[in-house]
């Protein structure tokens, strides 16, 4: 978390923790989506090359 955001959210402890979790969620979901799509493509490619 950037220093400005940390200072702004330091007055309310639960809000600061919620903000941190939301940032992690916003970073994690796109990575998960890309990983799932990549896995599906790789498995489909392997199935077609075996036949």
PDB file of N, CA and C in Angstrom:
ATOM      1  N   UNK A   1       0.855  -1.165   0.000  1.00  0.00           N
ATOM      2  CA  UNK A   1       0.000   0.000   0.000  1.00  0.00           C
ATOM      3  C   UNK A   1       0.904   1.231   0.000  1.00  0.00           C
ATOM      4  N   UNK A   2       0.516   2.212  -0.775  1.00  0.00           N
ATOM      5  CA  UNK A   2       1.320   3.422  -0.864  1.00  0.00           C
ATOM      6  C   UNK A   2       1.217   4.226   0.438  1.00  0.00           C
ATOM      7  N   UNK A   3       2.224   5.035   0.753  1.00  0.00           N
ATOM      8  CA  UNK A   3       2.212   5.808   1.999  1.00  0.00           C
ATOM      9  C   UNK A   3       1.011   6.738   2.152  1.00  0.00           C
ATOM     10  N   UNK A   4       0.578   7.338   1.066  1.00  0.00           N
ATOM     11  CA  UNK A   4      -0.566   8.253   1.155  1.00  0.00           C
ATOM     12  C   UNK A   4      -1.833   7.490   1.521  1.00  0.00           C
ATOM     13  N   UNK A   5      -2.039   6.350   0.872  1.00  0.00           N
ATOM     14  CA  UNK A   5      -3.215   5.530   1.183  1.00  0.00           C
ATOM     15  C   UNK A   5      -3.129   5.011   2.618  1.00  0.00           C
ATOM     16  N   UNK A   6      -1.949   4.630   3.042  1.00  0.00           N
ATOM     17  CA  UNK A   6      -1.770   4.106   4.396  1.00  0.00           C
ATOM     18  C   UNK A   6      -2.117   5.172   5.430  1.00  0.00           C
ATOM     19  N   UNK A   7      -1.673   6.404   5.209  1.00  0.00           N
ATOM     20  CA  UNK A   7      -1.989   7.488   6.137  1.00  0.00           C
ATOM     21  C   UNK A   7      -3.481   7.809   6.132  1.00  0.00           C
ATOM     22  N   UNK A   8      -4.090   7.773   4.972  1.00  0.00           N
ATOM     23  CA  UNK A   8      -5.515   8.105   4.876  1.00  0.00           C
ATOM     24  C   UNK A   8      -6.376   7.043   5.542  1.00  0.00           C
ATOM     25  N   UNK A   9      -5.948   5.794   5.480  1.00  0.00           N
ATOM     26  CA  UNK A   9      -6.751   4.703   6.012  1.00  0.00           C
ATOM     27  C   UNK A   9      -6.336   4.267   7.416  1.00  0.00           C
ATOM     28  N   UNK A  10      -5.305   4.887   7.977  1.00  0.00           N
ATOM     29  CA  UNK A  10      -4.791   4.438   9.270  1.00  0.00           C
ATOM     30  C   UNK A  10      -5.752   4.716  10.424  1.00  0.00           C
ATOM     31  N   UNK A  11      -6.662   5.639  10.245  1.00  0.00           N
ATOM     32  CA  UNK A  11      -7.584   5.972  11.330  1.00  0.00           C
ATOM     33  C   UNK A  11      -8.599   4.861  11.581  1.00  0.00           C
ATOM     34  N   UNK A  12      -8.924   4.115  10.555  1.00  0.00           N
ATOM     35  CA  UNK A  12      -9.891   3.024  10.695  1.00  0.00           C
ATOM     36  C   UNK A  12      -9.182   1.735  10.314  1.00  0.00           C
ATOM     37  N   UNK A  13      -8.919   0.879  11.312  1.00  0.00           N
ATOM     38  CA  UNK A  13      -8.121  -0.327  11.093  1.00  0.00           C
ATOM     39  C   UNK A  13      -8.815  -1.292  10.139  1.00  0.00           C
ATOM     40  N   UNK A  14     -10.101  -1.512  10.285  1.00  0.00           N
ATOM     41  CA  UNK A  14     -10.800  -2.459   9.422  1.00  0.00           C
ATOM     42  C   UNK A  14     -10.838  -1.992   7.977  1.00  0.00           C
ATOM     43  N   UNK A  15     -10.942  -0.699   7.776  1.00  0.00           N
ATOM     44  CA  UNK A  15     -10.971  -0.167   6.422  1.00  0.00           C
ATOM     45  C   UNK A  15      -9.624  -0.370   5.733  1.00  0.00           C
ATOM     46  N   UNK A  16      -8.548  -0.180   6.462  1.00  0.00           N
ATOM     47  CA  UNK A  16      -7.216  -0.376   5.891  1.00  0.00           C
ATOM     48  C   UNK A  16      -7.011  -1.834   5.495  1.00  0.00           C
ATOM     49  N   UNK A  17      -7.454  -2.757   6.340  1.00  0.00           N
ATOM     50  CA  UNK A  17      -7.317  -4.179   6.029  1.00  0.00           C
ATOM     51  C   UNK A  17      -8.191  -4.552   4.835  1.00  0.00           C
ATOM     52  N   UNK A  18      -9.378  -4.022   4.769  1.00  0.00           N
ATOM     53  CA  UNK A  18     -10.274  -4.281   3.639  1.00  0.00           C
ATOM     54  C   UNK A  18      -9.683  -3.732   2.343  1.00  0.00           C
ATOM     55  N   UNK A  19      -9.059  -2.578   2.419  1.00  0.00           N
ATOM     56  CA  UNK A  19      -8.429  -1.989   1.242  1.00  0.00           C
ATOM     57  C   UNK A  19      -7.288  -2.866   0.747  1.00  0.00           C
ATOM     58  N   UNK A  20      -6.495  -3.393   1.667  1.00  0.00           N
ATOM     59  CA  UNK A  20      -5.388  -4.278   1.290  1.00  0.00           C
ATOM     60  C   UNK A  20      -5.903  -5.547   0.620  1.00  0.00           C
ATOM     61  N   UNK A  21      -6.955  -6.127   1.188  1.00  0.00           N
ATOM     62  CA  UNK A  21      -7.524  -7.344   0.594  1.00  0.00           C
ATOM     63  C   UNK A  21      -8.109  -7.067  -0.783  1.00  0.00           C
ATOM     64  N   UNK A  22      -8.713  -5.906  -0.957  1.00  0.00           N
ATOM     65  CA  UNK A  22      -9.296  -5.592  -2.261  1.00  0.00           C
ATOM     66  C   UNK A  22      -8.215  -5.437  -3.325  1.00  0.00           C
ATOM     67  N   UNK A  23      -7.091  -4.874  -2.957  1.00  0.00           N
ATOM     68  CA  UNK A  23      -5.976  -4.746  -3.901  1.00  0.00           C
ATOM     69  C   UNK A  23      -5.469  -6.132  -4.285  1.00  0.00           C
ATOM     70  N   UNK A  24      -5.302  -7.009  -3.317  1.00  0.00           N
ATOM     71  CA  UNK A  24      -4.850  -8.371  -3.609  1.00  0.00           C
ATOM     72  C   UNK A  24      -5.853  -9.113  -4.487  1.00  0.00           C
ATOM     73  N   UNK A  25      -7.120  -8.914  -4.225  1.00  0.00           N
ATOM     74  CA  UNK A  25      -8.153  -9.558  -5.028  1.00  0.00           C
ATOM     75  C   UNK A  25      -8.122  -9.044  -6.463  1.00  0.00           C
ATOM     76  N   UNK A  26      -7.960  -7.739  -6.628  1.00  0.00           N
ATOM     77  CA  UNK A  26      -7.916  -7.169  -7.976  1.00  0.00           C
ATOM     78  C   UNK A  26      -6.688  -7.643  -8.745  1.00  0.00           C
ATOM     79  N   UNK A  27      -5.610  -7.971  -8.055  1.00  0.00           N
ATOM     80  CA  UNK A  27      -4.426  -8.497  -8.723  1.00  0.00           C
ATOM     81  C   UNK A  27      -4.538  -9.997  -8.969  1.00  0.00           C
ATOM     82  N   UNK A  28      -5.175 -10.705  -8.047  1.00  0.00           N
ATOM     83  CA  UNK A  28      -5.233 -12.162  -8.121  1.00  0.00           C
ATOM     84  C   UNK A  28      -6.214 -12.700  -9.138  1.00  0.00           C
ATOM     85  N   UNK A  29      -7.350 -12.076  -9.294  1.00  0.00           N
ATOM     86  CA  UNK A  29      -8.384 -12.587 -10.200  1.00  0.00           C
ATOM     87  C   UNK A  29      -7.919 -12.587 -11.662  1.00  0.00           C
ATOM     88  N   UNK A  30      -7.339 -11.515 -12.179  1.00  0.00           N
ATOM     89  CA  UNK A  30      -6.874 -11.580 -13.570  1.00  0.00           C
ATOM     90  C   UNK A  30      -5.790 -12.646 -13.783  1.00  0.00           C
ATOM     91  N   UNK A  31      -4.914 -12.809 -12.819  1.00  0.00           N
ATOM     92  CA  UNK A  31      -3.879 -13.840 -12.934  1.00  0.00           C
ATOM     93  C   UNK A  31      -4.513 -15.219 -12.966  1.00  0.00           C
ATOM     94  N   UNK A  32      -5.505 -15.443 -12.126  1.00  0.00           N
ATOM     95  CA  UNK A  32      -6.208 -16.724 -12.103  1.00  0.00           C
ATOM     96  C   UNK A  32      -6.924 -16.984 -13.424  1.00  0.00           C
ATOM     97  N   UNK A  33      -7.566 -15.979 -13.970  1.00  0.00           N
ATOM     98  CA  UNK A  33      -8.280 -16.133 -15.248  1.00  0.00           C
ATOM     99  C   UNK A  33      -7.297 -16.488 -16.364  1.00  0.00           C
ATOM    100  N   UNK A  34      -6.175 -15.808 -16.426  1.00  0.00           N
ATOM    101  CA  UNK A  34      -5.168 -16.092 -17.448  1.00  0.00           C
ATOM    102  C   UNK A  34      -4.619 -17.505 -17.277  1.00  0.00           C
ATOM    103  N   UNK A  35      -4.395 -17.923 -16.047  1.00  0.00           N
ATOM    104  CA  UNK A  35      -3.877 -19.272 -15.795  1.00  0.00           C
ATOM    105  C   UNK A  35      -4.870 -20.342 -16.233  1.00  0.00           C
ATOM    106  N   UNK A  36      -6.149 -20.140 -15.956  1.00  0.00           N
ATOM    107  CA  UNK A  36      -7.166 -21.121 -16.355  1.00  0.00           C
ATOM    108  C   UNK A  36      -7.277 -21.187 -17.877  1.00  0.00           C
ATOM    109  N   UNK A  37      -7.306 -20.055 -18.540  1.00  0.00           N
ATOM    110  CA  UNK A  37      -7.401 -20.033 -20.001  1.00  0.00           C
ATOM    111  C   UNK A  37      -6.177 -20.703 -20.620  1.00  0.00           C
ATOM    112  N   UNK A  38      -4.998 -20.419 -20.097  1.00  0.00           N
ATOM    113  CA  UNK A  38      -3.771 -21.032 -20.602  1.00  0.00           C
ATOM    114  C   UNK A  38      -3.804 -22.543 -20.417  1.00  0.00           C
ATOM    115  N   UNK A  39      -4.269 -23.004 -19.264  1.00  0.00           N
ATOM    116  CA  UNK A  39      -4.366 -24.438 -19.006  1.00  0.00           C
ATOM    117  C   UNK A  39      -5.326 -25.111 -19.973  1.00  0.00           C
ATOM    118  N   UNK A  40      -6.456 -24.494 -20.227  1.00  0.00           N
ATOM    119  CA  UNK A  40      -7.433 -25.060 -21.166  1.00  0.00           C
ATOM    120  C   UNK A  40      -6.839 -25.142 -22.575  1.00  0.00           C
ATOM    121  N   UNK A  41      -6.156 -24.117 -23.003  1.00  0.00           N
ATOM    122  CA  UNK A  41      -5.556 -24.112 -24.337  1.00  0.00           C
ATOM    123  C   UNK A  41      -4.472 -25.180 -24.451  1.00  0.00           C
ATOM    124  N   UNK A  42      -3.621 -25.293 -23.438  1.00  0.00           N
ATOM    125  CA  UNK A  42      -2.546 -26.287 -23.480  1.00  0.00           C
ATOM    126  C   UNK A  42      -3.122 -27.701 -23.505  1.00  0.00           C
ATOM    127  N   UNK A  43      -4.134 -27.969 -22.690  1.00  0.00           N
ATOM    128  CA  UNK A  43      -4.746 -29.305 -22.677  1.00  0.00           C
ATOM    129  C   UNK A  43      -5.414 -29.615 -24.011  1.00  0.00           C
ATOM    130  N   UNK A  44      -6.079 -28.649 -24.592  1.00  0.00           N
ATOM    131  CA  UNK A  44      -6.723 -28.869 -25.890  1.00  0.00           C
ATOM    132  C   UNK A  44      -5.680 -29.144 -26.969  1.00  0.00           C
ATOM    133  N   UNK A  45      -4.576 -28.429 -26.914  1.00  0.00           N
ATOM    134  CA  UNK A  45      -3.508 -28.639 -27.895  1.00  0.00           C
ATOM    135  C   UNK A  45      -2.889 -30.016 -27.728  1.00  0.00           C
ATOM    136  N   UNK A  46      -2.683 -30.456 -26.510  1.00  0.00           N
ATOM    137  CA  UNK A  46      -2.100 -31.787 -26.268  1.00  0.00           C
ATOM    138  C   UNK A  46      -3.036 -32.887 -26.745  1.00  0.00           C
ATOM    139  N   UNK A  47      -4.335 -32.703 -26.565  1.00  0.00           N
ATOM    140  CA  UNK A  47      -5.300 -33.710 -27.027  1.00  0.00           C
ATOM    141  C   UNK A  47      -5.284 -33.828 -28.549  1.00  0.00           C
ATOM    142  N   UNK A  48      -5.165 -32.712 -29.241  1.00  0.00           N
ATOM    143  CA  UNK A  48      -5.183 -32.762 -30.700  1.00  0.00           C
ATOM    144  C   UNK A  48      -3.896 -33.331 -31.268  1.00  0.00           C
ATOM    145  N   UNK A  49      -2.776 -33.136 -30.592  1.00  0.00           N
ATOM    146  CA  UNK A  49      -1.513 -33.664 -31.104  1.00  0.00           C
ATOM    147  C   UNK A  49      -1.361 -35.154 -30.816  1.00  0.00           C
ATOM    148  N   UNK A  50      -2.055 -35.713 -29.833  1.00  0.00           N
ATOM    149  CA  UNK A  50      -1.990 -37.145 -29.541  1.00  0.00           C
ATOM    150  C   UNK A  50      -2.715 -37.967 -30.597  1.00  0.00           C
ATOM    151  N   UNK A  51      -3.735 -37.404 -31.181  1.00  0.00           N
ATOM    152  CA  UNK A  51      -4.543 -38.180 -32.138  1.00  0.00           C
ATOM    153  C   UNK A  51      -3.954 -38.224 -33.484  1.00  0.00           C
TER     154      UNK A  51
END
